[in-house]
Amino acid sequence: VPRTGNGRGDEITMEVWLAPSLQYL
């Protein structure tokens, strides 16, 4: 989960789920 908080409100975030069984793909 990305940390947010640039305070501008225009921030783009990217949440990611990695699979250890697939070499963290």
PDBML (XML) file of the C-alpha atoms, coordinates in Angstrom:
<?xml version="1.0" encoding="UTF-8" ?>
<PDBx:datablock datablockName="MODEL"
   xmlns:PDBx="http://pdbml.pdb.org/schema/pdbx-v50.xsd"
   xmlns:xsi="http://www.w3.org/2001/XMLSchema-instance"
   xsi:schemaLocation="http://pdbml.pdb.org/schema/pdbx-v50.xsd pdbx-v50.xsd">
   <PDBx:atom_siteCategory>
      <PDBx:atom_site id="1">
         <PDBx:B_iso_or_equiv>0.00</PDBx:B_iso_or_equiv>
         <PDBx:Cartn_x>0.000</PDBx:Cartn_x>
         <PDBx:Cartn_y>0.000</PDBx:Cartn_y>
         <PDBx:Cartn_z>0.000</PDBx:Cartn_z>
         <PDBx:auth_asym_id>A</PDBx:auth_asym_id>
         <PDBx:auth_atom_id>CA</PDBx:auth_atom_id>
         <PDBx:auth_comp_id>VAL</PDBx:auth_comp_id>
         <PDBx:auth_seq_id>1</PDBx:auth_seq_id>
         <PDBx:group_PDB>ATOM</PDBx:group_PDB>
         <PDBx:label_alt_id xsi:nil="true" />
         <PDBx:label_asym_id>A</PDBx:label_asym_id>
         <PDBx:label_atom_id>CA</PDBx:label_atom_id>
         <PDBx:label_comp_id>VAL</PDBx:label_comp_id>
         <PDBx:label_entity_id>1</PDBx:label_entity_id>
         <PDBx:label_seq_id>1</PDBx:label_seq_id>
         <PDBx:occupancy>1.00</PDBx:occupancy>
         <PDBx:pdbx_PDB_model_num>1</PDBx:pdbx_PDB_model_num>
         <PDBx:type_symbol>C</PDBx:type_symbol>
      </PDBx:atom_site>
      <PDBx:atom_site id="2">
         <PDBx:B_iso_or_equiv>0.00</PDBx:B_iso_or_equiv>
         <PDBx:Cartn_x>1.500</PDBx:Cartn_x>
         <PDBx:Cartn_y>3.354</PDBx:Cartn_y>
         <PDBx:Cartn_z>-1.014</PDBx:Cartn_z>
         <PDBx:auth_asym_id>A</PDBx:auth_asym_id>
         <PDBx:auth_atom_id>CA</PDBx:auth_atom_id>
         <PDBx:auth_comp_id>PRO</PDBx:auth_comp_id>
         <PDBx:auth_seq_id>2</PDBx:auth_seq_id>
         <PDBx:group_PDB>ATOM</PDBx:group_PDB>
         <PDBx:label_alt_id xsi:nil="true" />
         <PDBx:label_asym_id>A</PDBx:label_asym_id>
         <PDBx:label_atom_id>CA</PDBx:label_atom_id>
         <PDBx:label_comp_id>PRO</PDBx:label_comp_id>
         <PDBx:label_entity_id>1</PDBx:label_entity_id>
         <PDBx:label_seq_id>2</PDBx:label_seq_id>
         <PDBx:occupancy>1.00</PDBx:occupancy>
         <PDBx:pdbx_PDB_model_num>1</PDBx:pdbx_PDB_model_num>
         <PDBx:type_symbol>C</PDBx:type_symbol>
      </PDBx:atom_site>
      <PDBx:atom_site id="3">
         <PDBx:B_iso_or_equiv>0.00</PDBx:B_iso_or_equiv>
         <PDBx:Cartn_x>2.017</PDBx:Cartn_x>
         <PDBx:Cartn_y>6.098</PDBx:Cartn_y>
         <PDBx:Cartn_z>1.527</PDBx:Cartn_z>
         <PDBx:auth_asym_id>A</PDBx:auth_asym_id>
         <PDBx:auth_atom_id>CA</PDBx:auth_atom_id>
         <PDBx:auth_comp_id>ARG</PDBx:auth_comp_id>
         <PDBx:auth_seq_id>3</PDBx:auth_seq_id>
         <PDBx:group_PDB>ATOM</PDBx:group_PDB>
         <PDBx:label_alt_id xsi:nil="true" />
         <PDBx:label_asym_id>A</PDBx:label_asym_id>
         <PDBx:label_atom_id>CA</PDBx:label_atom_id>
         <PDBx:label_comp_id>ARG</PDBx:label_comp_id>
         <PDBx:label_entity_id>1</PDBx:label_entity_id>
         <PDBx:label_seq_id>3</PDBx:label_seq_id>
         <PDBx:occupancy>1.00</PDBx:occupancy>
         <PDBx:pdbx_PDB_model_num>1</PDBx:pdbx_PDB_model_num>
         <PDBx:type_symbol>C</PDBx:type_symbol>
      </PDBx:atom_site>
      <PDBx:atom_site id="4">
         <PDBx:B_iso_or_equiv>0.00</PDBx:B_iso_or_equiv>
         <PDBx:Cartn_x>0.248</PDBx:Cartn_x>
         <PDBx:Cartn_y>9.233</PDBx:Cartn_y>
         <PDBx:Cartn_z>0.392</PDBx:Cartn_z>
         <PDBx:auth_asym_id>A</PDBx:auth_asym_id>
         <PDBx:auth_atom_id>CA</PDBx:auth_atom_id>
         <PDBx:auth_comp_id>THR</PDBx:auth_comp_id>
         <PDBx:auth_seq_id>4</PDBx:auth_seq_id>
         <PDBx:group_PDB>ATOM</PDBx:group_PDB>
         <PDBx:label_alt_id xsi:nil="true" />
         <PDBx:label_asym_id>A</PDBx:label_asym_id>
         <PDBx:label_atom_id>CA</PDBx:label_atom_id>
         <PDBx:label_comp_id>THR</PDBx:label_comp_id>
         <PDBx:label_entity_id>1</PDBx:label_entity_id>
         <PDBx:label_seq_id>4</PDBx:label_seq_id>
         <PDBx:occupancy>1.00</PDBx:occupancy>
         <PDBx:pdbx_PDB_model_num>1</PDBx:pdbx_PDB_model_num>
         <PDBx:type_symbol>C</PDBx:type_symbol>
      </PDBx:atom_site>
      <PDBx:atom_site id="5">
         <PDBx:B_iso_or_equiv>0.00</PDBx:B_iso_or_equiv>
         <PDBx:Cartn_x>0.294</PDBx:Cartn_x>
         <PDBx:Cartn_y>12.839</PDBx:Cartn_y>
         <PDBx:Cartn_z>1.369</PDBx:Cartn_z>
         <PDBx:auth_asym_id>A</PDBx:auth_asym_id>
         <PDBx:auth_atom_id>CA</PDBx:auth_atom_id>
         <PDBx:auth_comp_id>GLY</PDBx:auth_comp_id>
         <PDBx:auth_seq_id>5</PDBx:auth_seq_id>
         <PDBx:group_PDB>ATOM</PDBx:group_PDB>
         <PDBx:label_alt_id xsi:nil="true" />
         <PDBx:label_asym_id>A</PDBx:label_asym_id>
         <PDBx:label_atom_id>CA</PDBx:label_atom_id>
         <PDBx:label_comp_id>GLY</PDBx:label_comp_id>
         <PDBx:label_entity_id>1</PDBx:label_entity_id>
         <PDBx:label_seq_id>5</PDBx:label_seq_id>
         <PDBx:occupancy>1.00</PDBx:occupancy>
         <PDBx:pdbx_PDB_model_num>1</PDBx:pdbx_PDB_model_num>
         <PDBx:type_symbol>C</PDBx:type_symbol>
      </PDBx:atom_site>
      <PDBx:atom_site id="6">
         <PDBx:B_iso_or_equiv>0.00</PDBx:B_iso_or_equiv>
         <PDBx:Cartn_x>1.726</PDBx:Cartn_x>
         <PDBx:Cartn_y>15.302</PDBx:Cartn_y>
         <PDBx:Cartn_z>-1.098</PDBx:Cartn_z>
         <PDBx:auth_asym_id>A</PDBx:auth_asym_id>
         <PDBx:auth_atom_id>CA</PDBx:auth_atom_id>
         <PDBx:auth_comp_id>ASN</PDBx:auth_comp_id>
         <PDBx:auth_seq_id>6</PDBx:auth_seq_id>
         <PDBx:group_PDB>ATOM</PDBx:group_PDB>
         <PDBx:label_alt_id xsi:nil="true" />
         <PDBx:label_asym_id>A</PDBx:label_asym_id>
         <PDBx:label_atom_id>CA</PDBx:label_atom_id>
         <PDBx:label_comp_id>ASN</PDBx:label_comp_id>
         <PDBx:label_entity_id>1</PDBx:label_entity_id>
         <PDBx:label_seq_id>6</PDBx:label_seq_id>
         <PDBx:occupancy>1.00</PDBx:occupancy>
         <PDBx:pdbx_PDB_model_num>1</PDBx:pdbx_PDB_model_num>
         <PDBx:type_symbol>C</PDBx:type_symbol>
      </PDBx:atom_site>
      <PDBx:atom_site id="7">
         <PDBx:B_iso_or_equiv>0.00</PDBx:B_iso_or_equiv>
         <PDBx:Cartn_x>-1.045</PDBx:Cartn_x>
         <PDBx:Cartn_y>17.641</PDBx:Cartn_y>
         <PDBx:Cartn_z>0.092</PDBx:Cartn_z>
         <PDBx:auth_asym_id>A</PDBx:auth_asym_id>
         <PDBx:auth_atom_id>CA</PDBx:auth_atom_id>
         <PDBx:auth_comp_id>GLY</PDBx:auth_comp_id>
         <PDBx:auth_seq_id>7</PDBx:auth_seq_id>
         <PDBx:group_PDB>ATOM</PDBx:group_PDB>
         <PDBx:label_alt_id xsi:nil="true" />
         <PDBx:label_asym_id>A</PDBx:label_asym_id>
         <PDBx:label_atom_id>CA</PDBx:label_atom_id>
         <PDBx:label_comp_id>GLY</PDBx:label_comp_id>
         <PDBx:label_entity_id>1</PDBx:label_entity_id>
         <PDBx:label_seq_id>7</PDBx:label_seq_id>
         <PDBx:occupancy>1.00</PDBx:occupancy>
         <PDBx:pdbx_PDB_model_num>1</PDBx:pdbx_PDB_model_num>
         <PDBx:type_symbol>C</PDBx:type_symbol>
      </PDBx:atom_site>
      <PDBx:atom_site id="8">
         <PDBx:B_iso_or_equiv>0.00</PDBx:B_iso_or_equiv>
         <PDBx:Cartn_x>-1.980</PDBx:Cartn_x>
         <PDBx:Cartn_y>18.748</PDBx:Cartn_y>
         <PDBx:Cartn_z>-3.432</PDBx:Cartn_z>
         <PDBx:auth_asym_id>A</PDBx:auth_asym_id>
         <PDBx:auth_atom_id>CA</PDBx:auth_atom_id>
         <PDBx:auth_comp_id>ARG</PDBx:auth_comp_id>
         <PDBx:auth_seq_id>8</PDBx:auth_seq_id>
         <PDBx:group_PDB>ATOM</PDBx:group_PDB>
         <PDBx:label_alt_id xsi:nil="true" />
         <PDBx:label_asym_id>A</PDBx:label_asym_id>
         <PDBx:label_atom_id>CA</PDBx:label_atom_id>
         <PDBx:label_comp_id>ARG</PDBx:label_comp_id>
         <PDBx:label_entity_id>1</PDBx:label_entity_id>
         <PDBx:label_seq_id>8</PDBx:label_seq_id>
         <PDBx:occupancy>1.00</PDBx:occupancy>
         <PDBx:pdbx_PDB_model_num>1</PDBx:pdbx_PDB_model_num>
         <PDBx:type_symbol>C</PDBx:type_symbol>
      </PDBx:atom_site>
      <PDBx:atom_site id="9">
         <PDBx:B_iso_or_equiv>0.00</PDBx:B_iso_or_equiv>
         <PDBx:Cartn_x>-4.932</PDBx:Cartn_x>
         <PDBx:Cartn_y>16.424</PDBx:Cartn_y>
         <PDBx:Cartn_z>-3.978</PDBx:Cartn_z>
         <PDBx:auth_asym_id>A</PDBx:auth_asym_id>
         <PDBx:auth_atom_id>CA</PDBx:auth_atom_id>
         <PDBx:auth_comp_id>GLY</PDBx:auth_comp_id>
         <PDBx:auth_seq_id>9</PDBx:auth_seq_id>
         <PDBx:group_PDB>ATOM</PDBx:group_PDB>
         <PDBx:label_alt_id xsi:nil="true" />
         <PDBx:label_asym_id>A</PDBx:label_asym_id>
         <PDBx:label_atom_id>CA</PDBx:label_atom_id>
         <PDBx:label_comp_id>GLY</PDBx:label_comp_id>
         <PDBx:label_entity_id>1</PDBx:label_entity_id>
         <PDBx:label_seq_id>9</PDBx:label_seq_id>
         <PDBx:occupancy>1.00</PDBx:occupancy>
         <PDBx:pdbx_PDB_model_num>1</PDBx:pdbx_PDB_model_num>
         <PDBx:type_symbol>C</PDBx:type_symbol>
      </PDBx:atom_site>
      <PDBx:atom_site id="10">
         <PDBx:B_iso_or_equiv>0.00</PDBx:B_iso_or_equiv>
         <PDBx:Cartn_x>-3.729</PDBx:Cartn_x>
         <PDBx:Cartn_y>15.508</PDBx:Cartn_y>
         <PDBx:Cartn_z>-7.473</PDBx:Cartn_z>
         <PDBx:auth_asym_id>A</PDBx:auth_asym_id>
         <PDBx:auth_atom_id>CA</PDBx:auth_atom_id>
         <PDBx:auth_comp_id>ASP</PDBx:auth_comp_id>
         <PDBx:auth_seq_id>10</PDBx:auth_seq_id>
         <PDBx:group_PDB>ATOM</PDBx:group_PDB>
         <PDBx:label_alt_id xsi:nil="true" />
         <PDBx:label_asym_id>A</PDBx:label_asym_id>
         <PDBx:label_atom_id>CA</PDBx:label_atom_id>
         <PDBx:label_comp_id>ASP</PDBx:label_comp_id>
         <PDBx:label_entity_id>1</PDBx:label_entity_id>
         <PDBx:label_seq_id>10</PDBx:label_seq_id>
         <PDBx:occupancy>1.00</PDBx:occupancy>
         <PDBx:pdbx_PDB_model_num>1</PDBx:pdbx_PDB_model_num>
         <PDBx:type_symbol>C</PDBx:type_symbol>
      </PDBx:atom_site>
      <PDBx:atom_site id="11">
         <PDBx:B_iso_or_equiv>0.00</PDBx:B_iso_or_equiv>
         <PDBx:Cartn_x>-1.717</PDBx:Cartn_x>
         <PDBx:Cartn_y>12.540</PDBx:Cartn_y>
         <PDBx:Cartn_z>-6.329</PDBx:Cartn_z>
         <PDBx:auth_asym_id>A</PDBx:auth_asym_id>
         <PDBx:auth_atom_id>CA</PDBx:auth_atom_id>
         <PDBx:auth_comp_id>GLU</PDBx:auth_comp_id>
         <PDBx:auth_seq_id>11</PDBx:auth_seq_id>
         <PDBx:group_PDB>ATOM</PDBx:group_PDB>
         <PDBx:label_alt_id xsi:nil="true" />
         <PDBx:label_asym_id>A</PDBx:label_asym_id>
         <PDBx:label_atom_id>CA</PDBx:label_atom_id>
         <PDBx:label_comp_id>GLU</PDBx:label_comp_id>
         <PDBx:label_entity_id>1</PDBx:label_entity_id>
         <PDBx:label_seq_id>11</PDBx:label_seq_id>
         <PDBx:occupancy>1.00</PDBx:occupancy>
         <PDBx:pdbx_PDB_model_num>1</PDBx:pdbx_PDB_model_num>
         <PDBx:type_symbol>C</PDBx:type_symbol>
      </PDBx:atom_site>
      <PDBx:atom_site id="12">
         <PDBx:B_iso_or_equiv>0.00</PDBx:B_iso_or_equiv>
         <PDBx:Cartn_x>-1.913</PDBx:Cartn_x>
         <PDBx:Cartn_y>9.274</PDBx:Cartn_y>
         <PDBx:Cartn_z>-8.242</PDBx:Cartn_z>
         <PDBx:auth_asym_id>A</PDBx:auth_asym_id>
         <PDBx:auth_atom_id>CA</PDBx:auth_atom_id>
         <PDBx:auth_comp_id>ILE</PDBx:auth_comp_id>
         <PDBx:auth_seq_id>12</PDBx:auth_seq_id>
         <PDBx:group_PDB>ATOM</PDBx:group_PDB>
         <PDBx:label_alt_id xsi:nil="true" />
         <PDBx:label_asym_id>A</PDBx:label_asym_id>
         <PDBx:label_atom_id>CA</PDBx:label_atom_id>
         <PDBx:label_comp_id>ILE</PDBx:label_comp_id>
         <PDBx:label_entity_id>1</PDBx:label_entity_id>
         <PDBx:label_seq_id>12</PDBx:label_seq_id>
         <PDBx:occupancy>1.00</PDBx:occupancy>
         <PDBx:pdbx_PDB_model_num>1</PDBx:pdbx_PDB_model_num>
         <PDBx:type_symbol>C</PDBx:type_symbol>
      </PDBx:atom_site>
      <PDBx:atom_site id="13">
         <PDBx:B_iso_or_equiv>0.00</PDBx:B_iso_or_equiv>
         <PDBx:Cartn_x>-1.417</PDBx:Cartn_x>
         <PDBx:Cartn_y>6.147</PDBx:Cartn_y>
         <PDBx:Cartn_z>-6.176</PDBx:Cartn_z>
         <PDBx:auth_asym_id>A</PDBx:auth_asym_id>
         <PDBx:auth_atom_id>CA</PDBx:auth_atom_id>
         <PDBx:auth_comp_id>THR</PDBx:auth_comp_id>
         <PDBx:auth_seq_id>13</PDBx:auth_seq_id>
         <PDBx:group_PDB>ATOM</PDBx:group_PDB>
         <PDBx:label_alt_id xsi:nil="true" />
         <PDBx:label_asym_id>A</PDBx:label_asym_id>
         <PDBx:label_atom_id>CA</PDBx:label_atom_id>
         <PDBx:label_comp_id>THR</PDBx:label_comp_id>
         <PDBx:label_entity_id>1</PDBx:label_entity_id>
         <PDBx:label_seq_id>13</PDBx:label_seq_id>
         <PDBx:occupancy>1.00</PDBx:occupancy>
         <PDBx:pdbx_PDB_model_num>1</PDBx:pdbx_PDB_model_num>
         <PDBx:type_symbol>C</PDBx:type_symbol>
      </PDBx:atom_site>
      <PDBx:atom_site id="14">
         <PDBx:B_iso_or_equiv>0.00</PDBx:B_iso_or_equiv>
         <PDBx:Cartn_x>-0.683</PDBx:Cartn_x>
         <PDBx:Cartn_y>2.583</PDBx:Cartn_y>
         <PDBx:Cartn_z>-7.181</PDBx:Cartn_z>
         <PDBx:auth_asym_id>A</PDBx:auth_asym_id>
         <PDBx:auth_atom_id>CA</PDBx:auth_atom_id>
         <PDBx:auth_comp_id>MET</PDBx:auth_comp_id>
         <PDBx:auth_seq_id>14</PDBx:auth_seq_id>
         <PDBx:group_PDB>ATOM</PDBx:group_PDB>
         <PDBx:label_alt_id xsi:nil="true" />
         <PDBx:label_asym_id>A</PDBx:label_asym_id>
         <PDBx:label_atom_id>CA</PDBx:label_atom_id>
         <PDBx:label_comp_id>MET</PDBx:label_comp_id>
         <PDBx:label_entity_id>1</PDBx:label_entity_id>
         <PDBx:label_seq_id>14</PDBx:label_seq_id>
         <PDBx:occupancy>1.00</PDBx:occupancy>
         <PDBx:pdbx_PDB_model_num>1</PDBx:pdbx_PDB_model_num>
         <PDBx:type_symbol>C</PDBx:type_symbol>
      </PDBx:atom_site>
      <PDBx:atom_site id="15">
         <PDBx:B_iso_or_equiv>0.00</PDBx:B_iso_or_equiv>
         <PDBx:Cartn_x>-1.592</PDBx:Cartn_x>
         <PDBx:Cartn_y>-0.279</PDBx:Cartn_y>
         <PDBx:Cartn_z>-4.857</PDBx:Cartn_z>
         <PDBx:auth_asym_id>A</PDBx:auth_asym_id>
         <PDBx:auth_atom_id>CA</PDBx:auth_atom_id>
         <PDBx:auth_comp_id>GLU</PDBx:auth_comp_id>
         <PDBx:auth_seq_id>15</PDBx:auth_seq_id>
         <PDBx:group_PDB>ATOM</PDBx:group_PDB>
         <PDBx:label_alt_id xsi:nil="true" />
         <PDBx:label_asym_id>A</PDBx:label_asym_id>
         <PDBx:label_atom_id>CA</PDBx:label_atom_id>
         <PDBx:label_comp_id>GLU</PDBx:label_comp_id>
         <PDBx:label_entity_id>1</PDBx:label_entity_id>
         <PDBx:label_seq_id>15</PDBx:label_seq_id>
         <PDBx:occupancy>1.00</PDBx:occupancy>
         <PDBx:pdbx_PDB_model_num>1</PDBx:pdbx_PDB_model_num>
         <PDBx:type_symbol>C</PDBx:type_symbol>
      </PDBx:atom_site>
      <PDBx:atom_site id="16">
         <PDBx:B_iso_or_equiv>0.00</PDBx:B_iso_or_equiv>
         <PDBx:Cartn_x>0.117</PDBx:Cartn_x>
         <PDBx:Cartn_y>-3.594</PDBx:Cartn_y>
         <PDBx:Cartn_z>-5.722</PDBx:Cartn_z>
         <PDBx:auth_asym_id>A</PDBx:auth_asym_id>
         <PDBx:auth_atom_id>CA</PDBx:auth_atom_id>
         <PDBx:auth_comp_id>VAL</PDBx:auth_comp_id>
         <PDBx:auth_seq_id>16</PDBx:auth_seq_id>
         <PDBx:group_PDB>ATOM</PDBx:group_PDB>
         <PDBx:label_alt_id xsi:nil="true" />
         <PDBx:label_asym_id>A</PDBx:label_asym_id>
         <PDBx:label_atom_id>CA</PDBx:label_atom_id>
         <PDBx:label_comp_id>VAL</PDBx:label_comp_id>
         <PDBx:label_entity_id>1</PDBx:label_entity_id>
         <PDBx:label_seq_id>16</PDBx:label_seq_id>
         <PDBx:occupancy>1.00</PDBx:occupancy>
         <PDBx:pdbx_PDB_model_num>1</PDBx:pdbx_PDB_model_num>
         <PDBx:type_symbol>C</PDBx:type_symbol>
      </PDBx:atom_site>
      <PDBx:atom_site id="17">
         <PDBx:B_iso_or_equiv>0.00</PDBx:B_iso_or_equiv>
         <PDBx:Cartn_x>-0.351</PDBx:Cartn_x>
         <PDBx:Cartn_y>-7.291</PDBx:Cartn_y>
         <PDBx:Cartn_z>-4.939</PDBx:Cartn_z>
         <PDBx:auth_asym_id>A</PDBx:auth_asym_id>
         <PDBx:auth_atom_id>CA</PDBx:auth_atom_id>
         <PDBx:auth_comp_id>TRP</PDBx:auth_comp_id>
         <PDBx:auth_seq_id>17</PDBx:auth_seq_id>
         <PDBx:group_PDB>ATOM</PDBx:group_PDB>
         <PDBx:label_alt_id xsi:nil="true" />
         <PDBx:label_asym_id>A</PDBx:label_asym_id>
         <PDBx:label_atom_id>CA</PDBx:label_atom_id>
         <PDBx:label_comp_id>TRP</PDBx:label_comp_id>
         <PDBx:label_entity_id>1</PDBx:label_entity_id>
         <PDBx:label_seq_id>17</PDBx:label_seq_id>
         <PDBx:occupancy>1.00</PDBx:occupancy>
         <PDBx:pdbx_PDB_model_num>1</PDBx:pdbx_PDB_model_num>
         <PDBx:type_symbol>C</PDBx:type_symbol>
      </PDBx:atom_site>
      <PDBx:atom_site id="18">
         <PDBx:B_iso_or_equiv>0.00</PDBx:B_iso_or_equiv>
         <PDBx:Cartn_x>2.769</PDBx:Cartn_x>
         <PDBx:Cartn_y>-9.434</PDBx:Cartn_y>
         <PDBx:Cartn_z>-5.585</PDBx:Cartn_z>
         <PDBx:auth_asym_id>A</PDBx:auth_asym_id>
         <PDBx:auth_atom_id>CA</PDBx:auth_atom_id>
         <PDBx:auth_comp_id>LEU</PDBx:auth_comp_id>
         <PDBx:auth_seq_id>18</PDBx:auth_seq_id>
         <PDBx:group_PDB>ATOM</PDBx:group_PDB>
         <PDBx:label_alt_id xsi:nil="true" />
         <PDBx:label_asym_id>A</PDBx:label_asym_id>
         <PDBx:label_atom_id>CA</PDBx:label_atom_id>
         <PDBx:label_comp_id>LEU</PDBx:label_comp_id>
         <PDBx:label_entity_id>1</PDBx:label_entity_id>
         <PDBx:label_seq_id>18</PDBx:label_seq_id>
         <PDBx:occupancy>1.00</PDBx:occupancy>
         <PDBx:pdbx_PDB_model_num>1</PDBx:pdbx_PDB_model_num>
         <PDBx:type_symbol>C</PDBx:type_symbol>
      </PDBx:atom_site>
      <PDBx:atom_site id="19">
         <PDBx:B_iso_or_equiv>0.00</PDBx:B_iso_or_equiv>
         <PDBx:Cartn_x>2.686</PDBx:Cartn_x>
         <PDBx:Cartn_y>-13.236</PDBx:Cartn_y>
         <PDBx:Cartn_z>-5.815</PDBx:Cartn_z>
         <PDBx:auth_asym_id>A</PDBx:auth_asym_id>
         <PDBx:auth_atom_id>CA</PDBx:auth_atom_id>
         <PDBx:auth_comp_id>ALA</PDBx:auth_comp_id>
         <PDBx:auth_seq_id>19</PDBx:auth_seq_id>
         <PDBx:group_PDB>ATOM</PDBx:group_PDB>
         <PDBx:label_alt_id xsi:nil="true" />
         <PDBx:label_asym_id>A</PDBx:label_asym_id>
         <PDBx:label_atom_id>CA</PDBx:label_atom_id>
         <PDBx:label_comp_id>ALA</PDBx:label_comp_id>
         <PDBx:label_entity_id>1</PDBx:label_entity_id>
         <PDBx:label_seq_id>19</PDBx:label_seq_id>
         <PDBx:occupancy>1.00</PDBx:occupancy>
         <PDBx:pdbx_PDB_model_num>1</PDBx:pdbx_PDB_model_num>
         <PDBx:type_symbol>C</PDBx:type_symbol>
      </PDBx:atom_site>
      <PDBx:atom_site id="20">
         <PDBx:B_iso_or_equiv>0.00</PDBx:B_iso_or_equiv>
         <PDBx:Cartn_x>5.710</PDBx:Cartn_x>
         <PDBx:Cartn_y>-14.866</PDBx:Cartn_y>
         <PDBx:Cartn_z>-4.102</PDBx:Cartn_z>
         <PDBx:auth_asym_id>A</PDBx:auth_asym_id>
         <PDBx:auth_atom_id>CA</PDBx:auth_atom_id>
         <PDBx:auth_comp_id>PRO</PDBx:auth_comp_id>
         <PDBx:auth_seq_id>20</PDBx:auth_seq_id>
         <PDBx:group_PDB>ATOM</PDBx:group_PDB>
         <PDBx:label_alt_id xsi:nil="true" />
         <PDBx:label_asym_id>A</PDBx:label_asym_id>
         <PDBx:label_atom_id>CA</PDBx:label_atom_id>
         <PDBx:label_comp_id>PRO</PDBx:label_comp_id>
         <PDBx:label_entity_id>1</PDBx:label_entity_id>
         <PDBx:label_seq_id>20</PDBx:label_seq_id>
         <PDBx:occupancy>1.00</PDBx:occupancy>
         <PDBx:pdbx_PDB_model_num>1</PDBx:pdbx_PDB_model_num>
         <PDBx:type_symbol>C</PDBx:type_symbol>
      </PDBx:atom_site>
      <PDBx:atom_site id="21">
         <PDBx:B_iso_or_equiv>0.00</PDBx:B_iso_or_equiv>
         <PDBx:Cartn_x>4.874</PDBx:Cartn_x>
         <PDBx:Cartn_y>-18.166</PDBx:Cartn_y>
         <PDBx:Cartn_z>-5.853</PDBx:Cartn_z>
         <PDBx:auth_asym_id>A</PDBx:auth_asym_id>
         <PDBx:auth_atom_id>CA</PDBx:auth_atom_id>
         <PDBx:auth_comp_id>SER</PDBx:auth_comp_id>
         <PDBx:auth_seq_id>21</PDBx:auth_seq_id>
         <PDBx:group_PDB>ATOM</PDBx:group_PDB>
         <PDBx:label_alt_id xsi:nil="true" />
         <PDBx:label_asym_id>A</PDBx:label_asym_id>
         <PDBx:label_atom_id>CA</PDBx:label_atom_id>
         <PDBx:label_comp_id>SER</PDBx:label_comp_id>
         <PDBx:label_entity_id>1</PDBx:label_entity_id>
         <PDBx:label_seq_id>21</PDBx:label_seq_id>
         <PDBx:occupancy>1.00</PDBx:occupancy>
         <PDBx:pdbx_PDB_model_num>1</PDBx:pdbx_PDB_model_num>
         <PDBx:type_symbol>C</PDBx:type_symbol>
      </PDBx:atom_site>
      <PDBx:atom_site id="22">
         <PDBx:B_iso_or_equiv>0.00</PDBx:B_iso_or_equiv>
         <PDBx:Cartn_x>5.294</PDBx:Cartn_x>
         <PDBx:Cartn_y>-16.381</PDBx:Cartn_y>
         <PDBx:Cartn_z>-9.217</PDBx:Cartn_z>
         <PDBx:auth_asym_id>A</PDBx:auth_asym_id>
         <PDBx:auth_atom_id>CA</PDBx:auth_atom_id>
         <PDBx:auth_comp_id>LEU</PDBx:auth_comp_id>
         <PDBx:auth_seq_id>22</PDBx:auth_seq_id>
         <PDBx:group_PDB>ATOM</PDBx:group_PDB>
         <PDBx:label_alt_id xsi:nil="true" />
         <PDBx:label_asym_id>A</PDBx:label_asym_id>
         <PDBx:label_atom_id>CA</PDBx:label_atom_id>
         <PDBx:label_comp_id>LEU</PDBx:label_comp_id>
         <PDBx:label_entity_id>1</PDBx:label_entity_id>
         <PDBx:label_seq_id>22</PDBx:label_seq_id>
         <PDBx:occupancy>1.00</PDBx:occupancy>
         <PDBx:pdbx_PDB_model_num>1</PDBx:pdbx_PDB_model_num>
         <PDBx:type_symbol>C</PDBx:type_symbol>
      </PDBx:atom_site>
      <PDBx:atom_site id="23">
         <PDBx:B_iso_or_equiv>0.00</PDBx:B_iso_or_equiv>
         <PDBx:Cartn_x>8.668</PDBx:Cartn_x>
         <PDBx:Cartn_y>-14.771</PDBx:Cartn_y>
         <PDBx:Cartn_z>-8.462</PDBx:Cartn_z>
         <PDBx:auth_asym_id>A</PDBx:auth_asym_id>
         <PDBx:auth_atom_id>CA</PDBx:auth_atom_id>
         <PDBx:auth_comp_id>GLN</PDBx:auth_comp_id>
         <PDBx:auth_seq_id>23</PDBx:auth_seq_id>
         <PDBx:group_PDB>ATOM</PDBx:group_PDB>
         <PDBx:label_alt_id xsi:nil="true" />
         <PDBx:label_asym_id>A</PDBx:label_asym_id>
         <PDBx:label_atom_id>CA</PDBx:label_atom_id>
         <PDBx:label_comp_id>GLN</PDBx:label_comp_id>
         <PDBx:label_entity_id>1</PDBx:label_entity_id>
         <PDBx:label_seq_id>23</PDBx:label_seq_id>
         <PDBx:occupancy>1.00</PDBx:occupancy>
         <PDBx:pdbx_PDB_model_num>1</PDBx:pdbx_PDB_model_num>
         <PDBx:type_symbol>C</PDBx:type_symbol>
      </PDBx:atom_site>
      <PDBx:atom_site id="24">
         <PDBx:B_iso_or_equiv>0.00</PDBx:B_iso_or_equiv>
         <PDBx:Cartn_x>6.911</PDBx:Cartn_x>
         <PDBx:Cartn_y>-11.700</PDBx:Cartn_y>
         <PDBx:Cartn_z>-6.983</PDBx:Cartn_z>
         <PDBx:auth_asym_id>A</PDBx:auth_asym_id>
         <PDBx:auth_atom_id>CA</PDBx:auth_atom_id>
         <PDBx:auth_comp_id>TYR</PDBx:auth_comp_id>
         <PDBx:auth_seq_id>24</PDBx:auth_seq_id>
         <PDBx:group_PDB>ATOM</PDBx:group_PDB>
         <PDBx:label_alt_id xsi:nil="true" />
         <PDBx:label_asym_id>A</PDBx:label_asym_id>
         <PDBx:label_atom_id>CA</PDBx:label_atom_id>
         <PDBx:label_comp_id>TYR</PDBx:label_comp_id>
         <PDBx:label_entity_id>1</PDBx:label_entity_id>
         <PDBx:label_seq_id>24</PDBx:label_seq_id>
         <PDBx:occupancy>1.00</PDBx:occupancy>
         <PDBx:pdbx_PDB_model_num>1</PDBx:pdbx_PDB_model_num>
         <PDBx:type_symbol>C</PDBx:type_symbol>
      </PDBx:atom_site>
      <PDBx:atom_site id="25">
         <PDBx:B_iso_or_equiv>0.00</PDBx:B_iso_or_equiv>
         <PDBx:Cartn_x>5.123</PDBx:Cartn_x>
         <PDBx:Cartn_y>-10.921</PDBx:Cartn_y>
         <PDBx:Cartn_z>-10.235</PDBx:Cartn_z>
         <PDBx:auth_asym_id>A</PDBx:auth_asym_id>
         <PDBx:auth_atom_id>CA</PDBx:auth_atom_id>
         <PDBx:auth_comp_id>LEU</PDBx:auth_comp_id>
         <PDBx:auth_seq_id>25</PDBx:auth_seq_id>
         <PDBx:group_PDB>ATOM</PDBx:group_PDB>
         <PDBx:label_alt_id xsi:nil="true" />
         <PDBx:label_asym_id>A</PDBx:label_asym_id>
         <PDBx:label_atom_id>CA</PDBx:label_atom_id>
         <PDBx:label_comp_id>LEU</PDBx:label_comp_id>
         <PDBx:label_entity_id>1</PDBx:label_entity_id>
         <PDBx:label_seq_id>25</PDBx:label_seq_id>
         <PDBx:occupancy>1.00</PDBx:occupancy>
         <PDBx:pdbx_PDB_model_num>1</PDBx:pdbx_PDB_model_num>
         <PDBx:type_symbol>C</PDBx:type_symbol>
      </PDBx:atom_site>
   </PDBx:atom_siteCategory>
</PDBx:datablock>
